[in-house]
N, C-alpha and C. Protein backbone atom coordinates (compact mmCIF):
# COMPACT_ATOMS: atom_id res chain seq x y z
N MET A 1 -108.08 -72.61 50.14
CA MET A 1 -107.36 -73.24 48.76
C MET A 1 -106.12 -72.51 48.35
N THR A 2 -105.13 -72.82 47.99
CA THR A 2 -103.67 -72.17 47.62
C THR A 2 -103.53 -73.00 46.43
N GLY A 3 -103.66 -73.43 45.90
CA GLY A 3 -103.06 -74.44 44.56
C GLY A 3 -102.33 -73.44 43.81
N LEU A 4 -102.47 -73.26 42.60
CA LEU A 4 -102.02 -72.54 41.47
C LEU A 4 -102.04 -70.71 41.90
N GLY A 5 -102.29 -70.13 42.76
CA GLY A 5 -102.67 -68.83 42.55
C GLY A 5 -101.50 -68.56 43.59
N ARG A 6 -101.53 -67.29 43.98
CA ARG A 6 -100.52 -66.60 44.68
C ARG A 6 -100.20 -67.50 46.24
N GLN A 7 -99.31 -67.28 46.14
CA GLN A 7 -98.77 -67.66 47.88
C GLN A 7 -98.61 -66.41 48.92
N ALA A 8 -99.09 -66.48 50.14
CA ALA A 8 -99.54 -65.48 51.04
C ALA A 8 -98.04 -65.12 51.44
N GLY A 9 -97.80 -63.64 51.68
CA GLY A 9 -96.80 -63.23 51.93
C GLY A 9 -96.42 -61.82 51.26
N LEU A 10 -95.29 -61.07 51.34
CA LEU A 10 -94.69 -60.04 50.56
C LEU A 10 -93.52 -60.45 49.18
N SER A 11 -93.81 -59.95 48.25
CA SER A 11 -92.56 -59.93 47.15
C SER A 11 -91.47 -58.68 47.71
N TYR A 12 -90.64 -59.19 46.94
CA TYR A 12 -89.49 -58.20 47.29
C TYR A 12 -89.50 -57.02 46.98
N VAL A 13 -90.23 -56.82 45.61
CA VAL A 13 -90.79 -55.38 45.05
C VAL A 13 -91.45 -54.92 46.06
N GLU A 14 -92.25 -55.42 46.76
CA GLU A 14 -92.88 -54.43 47.89
C GLU A 14 -92.24 -54.36 49.31
N VAL A 15 -91.41 -55.03 49.57
CA VAL A 15 -90.86 -54.77 50.82
C VAL A 15 -89.51 -54.04 50.00
N THR A 16 -89.07 -53.57 49.22
CA THR A 16 -88.32 -52.84 48.74
C THR A 16 -88.96 -51.51 48.85
N LEU A 17 -89.93 -51.17 47.78
CA LEU A 17 -91.11 -50.52 48.02
C LEU A 17 -91.22 -49.69 49.38
N ALA A 18 -91.72 -50.32 50.33
CA ALA A 18 -92.16 -49.97 51.57
C ALA A 18 -90.88 -49.31 52.30
N ALA A 19 -89.85 -50.32 52.20
CA ALA A 19 -88.36 -49.38 52.72
C ALA A 19 -87.82 -48.15 52.27
N VAL A 20 -88.22 -47.64 50.76
CA VAL A 20 -87.66 -46.58 49.88
C VAL A 20 -89.12 -45.45 50.63
N VAL A 21 -90.02 -45.70 50.68
CA VAL A 21 -91.20 -45.21 51.52
C VAL A 21 -90.59 -44.51 52.87
N LEU A 22 -90.74 -45.54 53.69
CA LEU A 22 -90.06 -45.31 55.36
C LEU A 22 -88.74 -44.34 55.27
N SER A 23 -87.79 -44.41 54.45
CA SER A 23 -86.59 -43.82 54.24
C SER A 23 -86.82 -42.46 53.90
N LEU A 24 -87.80 -42.46 52.97
CA LEU A 24 -88.03 -40.78 52.43
C LEU A 24 -88.92 -40.41 53.69
N ALA A 25 -89.32 -41.02 54.05
CA ALA A 25 -90.69 -40.18 55.45
C ALA A 25 -89.51 -39.96 56.72
N LEU A 26 -88.60 -40.65 56.93
CA LEU A 26 -87.50 -40.26 58.26
C LEU A 26 -86.66 -39.21 58.10
N VAL A 27 -86.20 -38.79 56.57
CA VAL A 27 -85.46 -37.87 56.69
C VAL A 27 -86.20 -36.60 57.31
N PRO A 28 -87.57 -36.34 57.02
CA PRO A 28 -88.07 -35.11 57.12
C PRO A 28 -87.97 -35.32 58.77
N ALA A 29 -88.77 -36.06 59.09
CA ALA A 29 -88.55 -36.47 60.51
C ALA A 29 -87.51 -35.82 61.52
N LEU A 30 -86.35 -36.72 60.92
CA LEU A 30 -85.18 -36.42 62.00
C LEU A 30 -84.84 -34.95 61.48
N GLN A 31 -85.10 -34.43 60.52
CA GLN A 31 -84.76 -32.80 60.24
C GLN A 31 -85.44 -32.24 61.92
N SER A 32 -86.86 -32.59 61.84
CA SER A 32 -87.73 -32.34 63.01
C SER A 32 -87.06 -32.08 63.86
N ILE A 33 -86.94 -33.21 64.36
CA ILE A 33 -86.36 -33.81 65.67
C ILE A 33 -84.89 -32.50 65.73
N GLN A 34 -84.11 -32.31 64.58
CA GLN A 34 -82.69 -31.43 65.22
C GLN A 34 -83.30 -30.04 65.52
N ALA A 35 -84.47 -29.83 64.60
CA ALA A 35 -84.71 -28.45 64.37
C ALA A 35 -85.32 -28.06 66.00
N GLY A 36 -86.17 -28.91 66.54
CA GLY A 36 -86.66 -28.93 67.71
C GLY A 36 -85.73 -28.62 68.83
N SER A 37 -84.40 -29.59 68.79
CA SER A 37 -83.87 -29.38 69.69
C SER A 37 -82.44 -28.58 69.70
N ASP A 38 -82.22 -27.85 68.43
CA ASP A 38 -81.68 -26.29 68.48
C ASP A 38 -82.58 -25.50 68.72
N SER A 39 -83.37 -25.35 68.66
CA SER A 39 -84.53 -24.29 69.33
C SER A 39 -84.58 -24.22 70.34
N SER A 40 -84.52 -25.50 71.08
CA SER A 40 -84.50 -25.70 72.36
C SER A 40 -83.34 -24.97 73.37
N VAL A 41 -82.10 -25.06 72.85
CA VAL A 41 -80.98 -24.88 72.84
C VAL A 41 -81.07 -23.12 72.75
N ALA A 42 -81.29 -22.50 71.53
CA ALA A 42 -81.41 -21.18 71.84
C ALA A 42 -82.22 -20.53 72.71
N HIS A 43 -83.49 -21.32 73.02
CA HIS A 43 -84.42 -20.86 74.16
C HIS A 43 -83.82 -20.84 75.52
N ALA A 44 -82.98 -21.50 75.90
CA ALA A 44 -82.35 -21.55 76.82
C ALA A 44 -80.84 -20.30 77.19
N ASP A 45 -80.16 -20.00 75.91
CA ASP A 45 -79.66 -19.22 75.69
C ASP A 45 -80.15 -17.53 76.33
N LEU A 46 -81.24 -17.51 75.68
CA LEU A 46 -82.11 -16.07 75.33
C LEU A 46 -82.75 -16.23 77.19
N LEU A 47 -83.41 -17.16 77.81
CA LEU A 47 -83.47 -17.13 78.95
C LEU A 47 -82.49 -17.01 79.97
N SER A 48 -81.23 -17.31 79.43
CA SER A 48 -80.22 -16.89 79.98
C SER A 48 -80.12 -15.28 80.30
N GLU A 49 -79.90 -14.92 79.06
CA GLU A 49 -79.72 -13.68 79.05
C GLU A 49 -80.66 -12.77 79.46
N TYR A 50 -81.90 -13.19 79.61
CA TYR A 50 -82.85 -12.29 79.77
C TYR A 50 -82.94 -12.51 81.78
N ASN A 51 -82.57 -13.56 82.06
CA ASN A 51 -82.62 -13.79 83.63
C ASN A 51 -81.30 -12.78 84.22
N ALA A 52 -80.34 -12.87 83.36
CA ALA A 52 -78.80 -12.07 83.88
C ALA A 52 -79.31 -10.22 83.39
N LEU A 53 -80.00 -9.91 82.55
CA LEU A 53 -80.89 -8.34 82.11
C LEU A 53 -81.71 -8.32 83.49
N GLN A 54 -82.80 -9.34 83.76
CA GLN A 54 -83.33 -8.49 85.31
C GLN A 54 -82.78 -8.35 86.52
N SER A 55 -81.54 -9.53 86.41
CA SER A 55 -81.28 -9.54 87.62
C SER A 55 -80.42 -8.51 87.83
N ARG A 56 -79.40 -7.71 86.89
CA ARG A 56 -78.95 -6.59 86.99
C ARG A 56 -80.14 -5.47 87.23
N LEU A 57 -80.96 -5.02 86.44
CA LEU A 57 -81.67 -4.27 86.24
C LEU A 57 -82.99 -4.06 88.18
N ASP A 58 -82.87 -5.53 88.53
CA ASP A 58 -83.39 -5.47 90.11
C ASP A 58 -82.35 -4.66 90.83
N TYR A 59 -80.92 -5.39 90.71
CA TYR A 59 -79.58 -4.70 91.41
C TYR A 59 -79.74 -2.82 91.10
N VAL A 60 -79.89 -2.57 89.98
CA VAL A 60 -79.60 -0.95 90.08
C VAL A 60 -80.90 -0.55 90.42
N ARG A 61 -82.40 -0.88 90.33
CA ARG A 61 -83.42 -0.42 90.70
C ARG A 61 -83.28 -0.25 92.50
N GLN A 62 -82.40 -0.76 92.80
CA GLN A 62 -82.49 -0.94 94.49
C GLN A 62 -81.42 -0.04 95.19
N ARG A 63 -80.86 0.64 94.19
CA ARG A 63 -79.76 1.83 94.74
C ARG A 63 -80.66 3.00 95.13
N PRO A 64 -79.69 3.86 95.99
CA PRO A 64 -80.24 5.23 96.29
C PRO A 64 -80.62 5.98 95.08
N PHE A 65 -81.60 6.36 95.07
CA PHE A 65 -82.09 7.41 93.95
C PHE A 65 -81.02 8.48 93.57
N SER A 66 -80.69 8.93 94.94
CA SER A 66 -79.55 10.14 94.52
C SER A 66 -78.01 9.41 93.73
N GLU A 67 -78.04 8.17 93.89
CA GLU A 67 -76.47 7.59 93.75
C GLU A 67 -76.94 7.38 92.10
N LEU A 68 -78.22 6.82 91.94
CA LEU A 68 -78.46 6.42 90.19
C LEU A 68 -78.37 8.18 89.54
N LEU A 69 -78.84 9.32 89.76
CA LEU A 69 -78.86 10.58 89.59
C LEU A 69 -77.65 10.81 89.47
N SER A 70 -76.45 10.75 90.36
CA SER A 70 -75.28 10.85 89.81
C SER A 70 -74.55 10.43 88.87
N TYR A 71 -74.92 9.01 88.73
CA TYR A 71 -74.18 8.40 87.42
C TYR A 71 -75.33 8.74 86.24
N THR A 72 -76.39 8.70 86.41
CA THR A 72 -76.95 9.72 85.34
C THR A 72 -76.71 11.11 84.57
N GLN A 73 -76.41 11.99 85.84
CA GLN A 73 -75.71 13.13 85.04
C GLN A 73 -73.79 12.50 84.29
N GLU A 74 -73.47 11.42 85.22
CA GLU A 74 -72.11 11.03 84.77
C GLU A 74 -72.44 10.63 83.18
N ALA A 75 -73.24 10.03 83.09
CA ALA A 75 -73.53 9.20 81.71
C ALA A 75 -73.77 10.28 80.99
N GLY A 76 -74.47 11.17 80.99
CA GLY A 76 -75.05 12.46 79.99
C GLY A 76 -76.27 12.55 79.31
N ASP A 77 -76.47 11.20 78.44
CA ASP A 77 -77.61 11.22 78.24
C ASP A 77 -78.07 9.52 77.66
N ALA A 78 -79.33 8.91 77.08
CA ALA A 78 -79.79 7.47 77.45
C ALA A 78 -78.85 6.94 76.52
N THR A 79 -77.95 7.14 75.52
CA THR A 79 -77.20 6.63 74.82
C THR A 79 -75.60 6.08 74.98
N SER A 80 -75.53 6.38 76.41
CA SER A 80 -74.21 6.60 76.81
C SER A 80 -74.37 5.36 78.31
N PRO A 81 -73.62 4.34 77.94
CA PRO A 81 -73.53 3.39 79.16
C PRO A 81 -73.22 3.76 80.48
N VAL A 82 -73.75 3.58 81.75
CA VAL A 82 -73.10 3.63 82.72
C VAL A 82 -72.49 2.50 83.25
N GLU A 83 -71.04 3.38 83.01
CA GLU A 83 -69.58 2.24 83.46
C GLU A 83 -69.71 1.48 84.95
N ALA A 84 -69.83 2.31 85.91
CA ALA A 84 -70.21 1.46 87.13
C ALA A 84 -71.17 0.48 87.26
N TYR A 85 -72.44 0.60 86.31
CA TYR A 85 -73.39 -1.04 86.61
C TYR A 85 -72.95 -1.51 85.40
N SER A 86 -72.36 -1.02 84.29
CA SER A 86 -71.93 -1.72 83.30
C SER A 86 -71.04 -3.13 83.23
N ASP A 87 -70.84 -4.18 82.77
CA ASP A 87 -69.65 -4.92 82.53
C ASP A 87 -68.85 -4.52 81.89
N SER A 88 -67.45 -5.12 81.95
CA SER A 88 -66.52 -4.54 81.44
C SER A 88 -66.24 -5.68 79.69
N ASP A 89 -65.70 -5.08 78.65
CA ASP A 89 -65.72 -6.05 77.23
C ASP A 89 -64.85 -7.23 77.83
N GLY A 90 -65.43 -8.57 77.44
CA GLY A 90 -64.89 -9.87 77.52
C GLY A 90 -65.78 -10.25 78.52
N ASP A 91 -66.72 -9.81 79.25
CA ASP A 91 -67.79 -10.36 80.00
C ASP A 91 -68.88 -11.41 79.04
N GLU A 92 -69.22 -12.45 79.46
CA GLU A 92 -70.42 -13.12 78.92
C GLU A 92 -71.65 -13.39 79.38
N PRO A 93 -72.55 -12.90 79.18
CA PRO A 93 -72.98 -12.02 78.55
C PRO A 93 -72.71 -10.40 78.67
N GLN A 94 -71.80 -9.47 77.94
CA GLN A 94 -71.53 -8.29 78.35
C GLN A 94 -73.04 -7.49 78.58
N ILE A 95 -73.11 -7.13 79.93
CA ILE A 95 -74.52 -6.38 80.08
C ILE A 95 -74.03 -5.06 80.60
N LEU A 96 -75.19 -4.25 79.49
CA LEU A 96 -74.55 -3.00 79.54
C LEU A 96 -75.86 -2.05 80.32
N VAL A 97 -75.67 -1.19 81.30
CA VAL A 97 -76.97 -0.22 81.66
C VAL A 97 -76.76 1.18 81.32
N TYR A 98 -77.87 1.72 81.13
CA TYR A 98 -78.19 2.91 80.77
C TYR A 98 -79.34 3.69 81.72
N LEU A 99 -78.77 4.90 82.09
CA LEU A 99 -79.57 5.94 82.85
C LEU A 99 -80.18 7.23 82.26
N SER A 100 -81.40 7.37 82.24
CA SER A 100 -81.06 8.86 81.64
C SER A 100 -82.73 9.55 82.34
N VAL A 101 -82.54 11.10 82.47
CA VAL A 101 -83.51 11.59 83.26
C VAL A 101 -84.86 11.61 81.75
N TYR A 102 -85.98 11.54 82.70
CA TYR A 102 -87.56 11.28 81.85
C TYR A 102 -88.20 12.11 82.22
N ASP A 103 -89.05 12.81 81.06
CA ASP A 103 -89.75 13.73 81.47
C ASP A 103 -91.18 12.87 80.91
N ALA A 104 -92.13 12.24 81.14
CA ALA A 104 -93.00 11.66 81.08
C ALA A 104 -94.22 12.27 80.44
N ALA A 105 -93.84 13.43 80.89
CA ALA A 105 -95.68 14.45 80.86
C ALA A 105 -94.85 15.58 79.97
N ASP A 106 -93.79 15.32 79.34
CA ASP A 106 -93.46 16.83 78.11
C ASP A 106 -93.52 17.57 78.90
N GLU A 107 -93.21 17.89 80.41
CA GLU A 107 -93.37 19.53 80.74
C GLU A 107 -92.35 20.48 80.14
N ASP A 108 -91.47 20.13 79.77
CA ASP A 108 -90.44 20.85 79.17
C ASP A 108 -91.05 21.55 77.67
N GLY A 109 -92.13 20.49 77.19
CA GLY A 109 -92.84 20.97 75.76
C GLY A 109 -91.97 20.56 74.62
N ASP A 110 -90.50 19.87 74.76
CA ASP A 110 -90.06 19.60 73.69
C ASP A 110 -90.25 18.19 72.66
N GLY A 111 -91.07 17.26 73.02
CA GLY A 111 -91.15 16.46 72.54
C GLY A 111 -90.36 15.09 72.90
N ASP A 112 -89.38 15.86 73.86
CA ASP A 112 -88.68 14.72 73.76
C ASP A 112 -88.40 14.19 75.45
N VAL A 113 -88.82 12.63 75.62
CA VAL A 113 -88.65 12.44 76.87
C VAL A 113 -87.49 12.31 77.76
N PHE A 114 -86.59 12.23 77.10
CA PHE A 114 -85.20 12.20 77.71
C PHE A 114 -84.76 13.63 78.12
N THR A 115 -85.15 14.34 78.16
CA THR A 115 -84.92 16.13 78.68
C THR A 115 -85.88 16.50 79.13
N VAL A 116 -85.79 17.35 80.69
CA VAL A 116 -86.16 17.58 81.55
C VAL A 116 -86.21 19.25 81.59
N ALA A 117 -87.43 20.00 82.19
CA ALA A 117 -87.41 21.56 82.00
C ALA A 117 -86.25 22.05 83.32
N ASP A 118 -85.26 23.02 82.93
CA ASP A 118 -84.62 23.64 84.12
C ASP A 118 -85.44 25.11 83.93
N ASP A 119 -85.84 25.50 85.17
CA ASP A 119 -85.60 27.09 85.55
C ASP A 119 -84.88 27.70 85.44
N ASN A 120 -83.62 27.43 85.31
CA ASN A 120 -82.28 27.96 84.70
C ASN A 120 -82.04 29.09 85.62
N ALA A 121 -82.65 28.82 87.10
CA ALA A 121 -82.36 30.53 88.06
C ALA A 121 -81.04 30.41 88.09
N ASP A 122 -80.32 29.65 88.25
CA ASP A 122 -79.13 29.53 88.55
C ASP A 122 -77.93 29.92 87.39
N GLY A 123 -78.72 30.10 86.25
CA GLY A 123 -77.63 30.36 84.91
C GLY A 123 -76.98 29.53 84.33
N ASP A 124 -76.95 28.24 84.86
CA ASP A 124 -76.22 27.56 84.10
C ASP A 124 -76.46 26.23 83.47
N ASP A 125 -77.80 26.50 83.14
CA ASP A 125 -78.52 25.58 82.14
C ASP A 125 -77.93 24.42 82.26
N ASP A 126 -78.07 23.97 84.00
CA ASP A 126 -77.90 22.56 84.25
C ASP A 126 -78.80 21.74 84.93
N VAL A 127 -79.58 20.76 84.43
CA VAL A 127 -80.67 20.68 85.39
C VAL A 127 -80.52 19.85 86.73
N TYR A 128 -79.29 19.62 86.91
CA TYR A 128 -78.89 18.96 88.12
C TYR A 128 -78.21 19.88 89.32
N THR A 129 -78.26 21.15 88.63
CA THR A 129 -78.07 22.31 89.85
C THR A 129 -79.30 23.05 90.00
N ALA A 130 -80.38 22.74 89.51
CA ALA A 130 -81.61 23.23 89.69
C ALA A 130 -81.65 23.64 91.20
N ASP A 131 -82.54 24.90 91.39
CA ASP A 131 -83.01 25.59 92.80
C ASP A 131 -83.67 23.94 93.40
N GLN A 132 -84.55 23.07 92.86
CA GLN A 132 -85.01 22.18 93.23
C GLN A 132 -84.86 20.98 92.48
N PRO A 133 -83.92 20.40 91.88
CA PRO A 133 -83.72 19.08 90.95
C PRO A 133 -84.86 18.26 91.73
N GLU A 134 -85.32 17.81 93.01
CA GLU A 134 -85.86 16.83 93.26
C GLU A 134 -87.38 17.03 92.46
N ASN A 135 -87.99 18.30 92.47
CA ASN A 135 -89.34 18.83 91.64
C ASN A 135 -89.10 18.24 89.92
N LEU A 136 -88.10 18.44 89.68
CA LEU A 136 -87.51 18.41 88.07
C LEU A 136 -87.31 17.13 87.61
N LEU A 137 -86.72 16.30 88.64
CA LEU A 137 -85.97 15.21 88.34
C LEU A 137 -86.72 13.98 88.93
N ARG A 138 -87.69 13.67 89.03
CA ARG A 138 -88.69 12.57 89.64
C ARG A 138 -88.56 11.40 89.18
N LEU A 139 -88.41 11.24 87.73
CA LEU A 139 -88.23 9.91 86.85
C LEU A 139 -86.84 9.76 86.57
N LEU A 140 -86.47 8.24 86.51
CA LEU A 140 -85.19 8.19 85.87
C LEU A 140 -85.43 6.93 84.85
N TRP A 141 -85.17 6.82 83.66
CA TRP A 141 -85.13 5.84 82.68
C TRP A 141 -83.82 4.62 82.90
N LEU A 142 -84.31 3.34 83.58
CA LEU A 142 -83.44 2.50 83.46
C LEU A 142 -83.28 1.49 82.57
N ARG A 143 -82.36 1.37 81.93
CA ARG A 143 -82.55 -0.26 80.50
C ARG A 143 -80.87 -1.12 80.68
N THR A 144 -81.10 -2.33 80.78
CA THR A 144 -80.41 -2.89 80.57
C THR A 144 -80.21 -3.90 79.62
N GLN A 145 -78.79 -3.65 79.00
CA GLN A 145 -79.08 -4.48 77.29
C GLN A 145 -77.70 -5.37 77.21
N VAL A 146 -78.27 -6.60 76.73
CA VAL A 146 -76.85 -7.15 76.23
C VAL A 146 -76.28 -6.16 75.11
N ALA A 147 -75.25 -6.62 75.05
CA ALA A 147 -73.93 -5.53 74.41
C ALA A 147 -74.05 -6.49 73.04
N GLY A 148 -74.28 -5.52 71.95
CA GLY A 148 -73.81 -6.32 70.52
C GLY A 148 -75.42 -7.18 70.20
N SER A 149 -76.47 -6.92 71.15
CA SER A 149 -77.89 -7.56 70.46
C SER A 149 -79.14 -6.47 71.11
N ASP A 150 -80.30 -7.05 70.40
CA ASP A 150 -81.43 -6.29 71.05
C ASP A 150 -82.17 -7.13 72.63
N ALA A 151 -81.61 -8.19 73.02
CA ALA A 151 -81.97 -8.33 73.85
C ALA A 151 -82.32 -6.93 75.11
N ALA A 152 -83.15 -6.66 76.01
CA ALA A 152 -83.52 -5.30 76.61
C ALA A 152 -84.47 -5.49 77.58
N VAL A 153 -83.78 -4.77 79.04
CA VAL A 153 -85.09 -4.69 79.86
C VAL A 153 -85.04 -3.27 80.03
N THR A 154 -86.62 -2.52 80.29
CA THR A 154 -86.36 -1.37 80.64
C THR A 154 -87.63 -1.17 81.58
N THR A 155 -87.07 -0.06 82.66
CA THR A 155 -88.16 0.29 83.27
C THR A 155 -88.01 1.77 83.89
N LEU A 156 -88.83 2.36 84.36
CA LEU A 156 -88.72 3.82 85.20
C LEU A 156 -88.75 3.32 86.65
N VAL A 157 -87.43 4.60 87.49
CA VAL A 157 -87.55 4.24 88.58
C VAL A 157 -87.69 5.86 89.17
N ARG A 158 -88.59 6.06 89.99
CA ARG A 158 -89.12 7.14 90.70
C ARG A 158 -88.18 7.55 91.94
N ARG A 159 -88.25 8.84 92.40
CA ARG A 159 -87.65 9.33 93.52
C ARG A 159 -88.30 8.90 94.77
């Protein structure tokens, strides 16, 4: 019986109210979609950097230990990149390679893993010219890092 009562259907007020609620809910939903898209792009960039770092690390690890040792001596310490393995300025991403001697057991007792004991039998205070450098220089620390970034991969290389 529809007589004098309300007719079936929606009023303009109800339709307008529904449109407002939908539009208010739509804004955060679209923002979430945009944020997901942005994070996907950022993840792809990080993955690309990591793959480049890992690839360079694998390349350097395959080099002969004697070659790595000579570049370690040339670099001097763990804070100076090895130019022979590092990218030049302008490369994107610019990958820097660091090499250093590594004293995991702290055999020299100084608390610094980046220094090794030198018996100094030859009197020159140079661990690379020690009587038996193969006994002192068994481990090298190797790090690849994207310049200007915290993205890095680190490992040890043994003789």
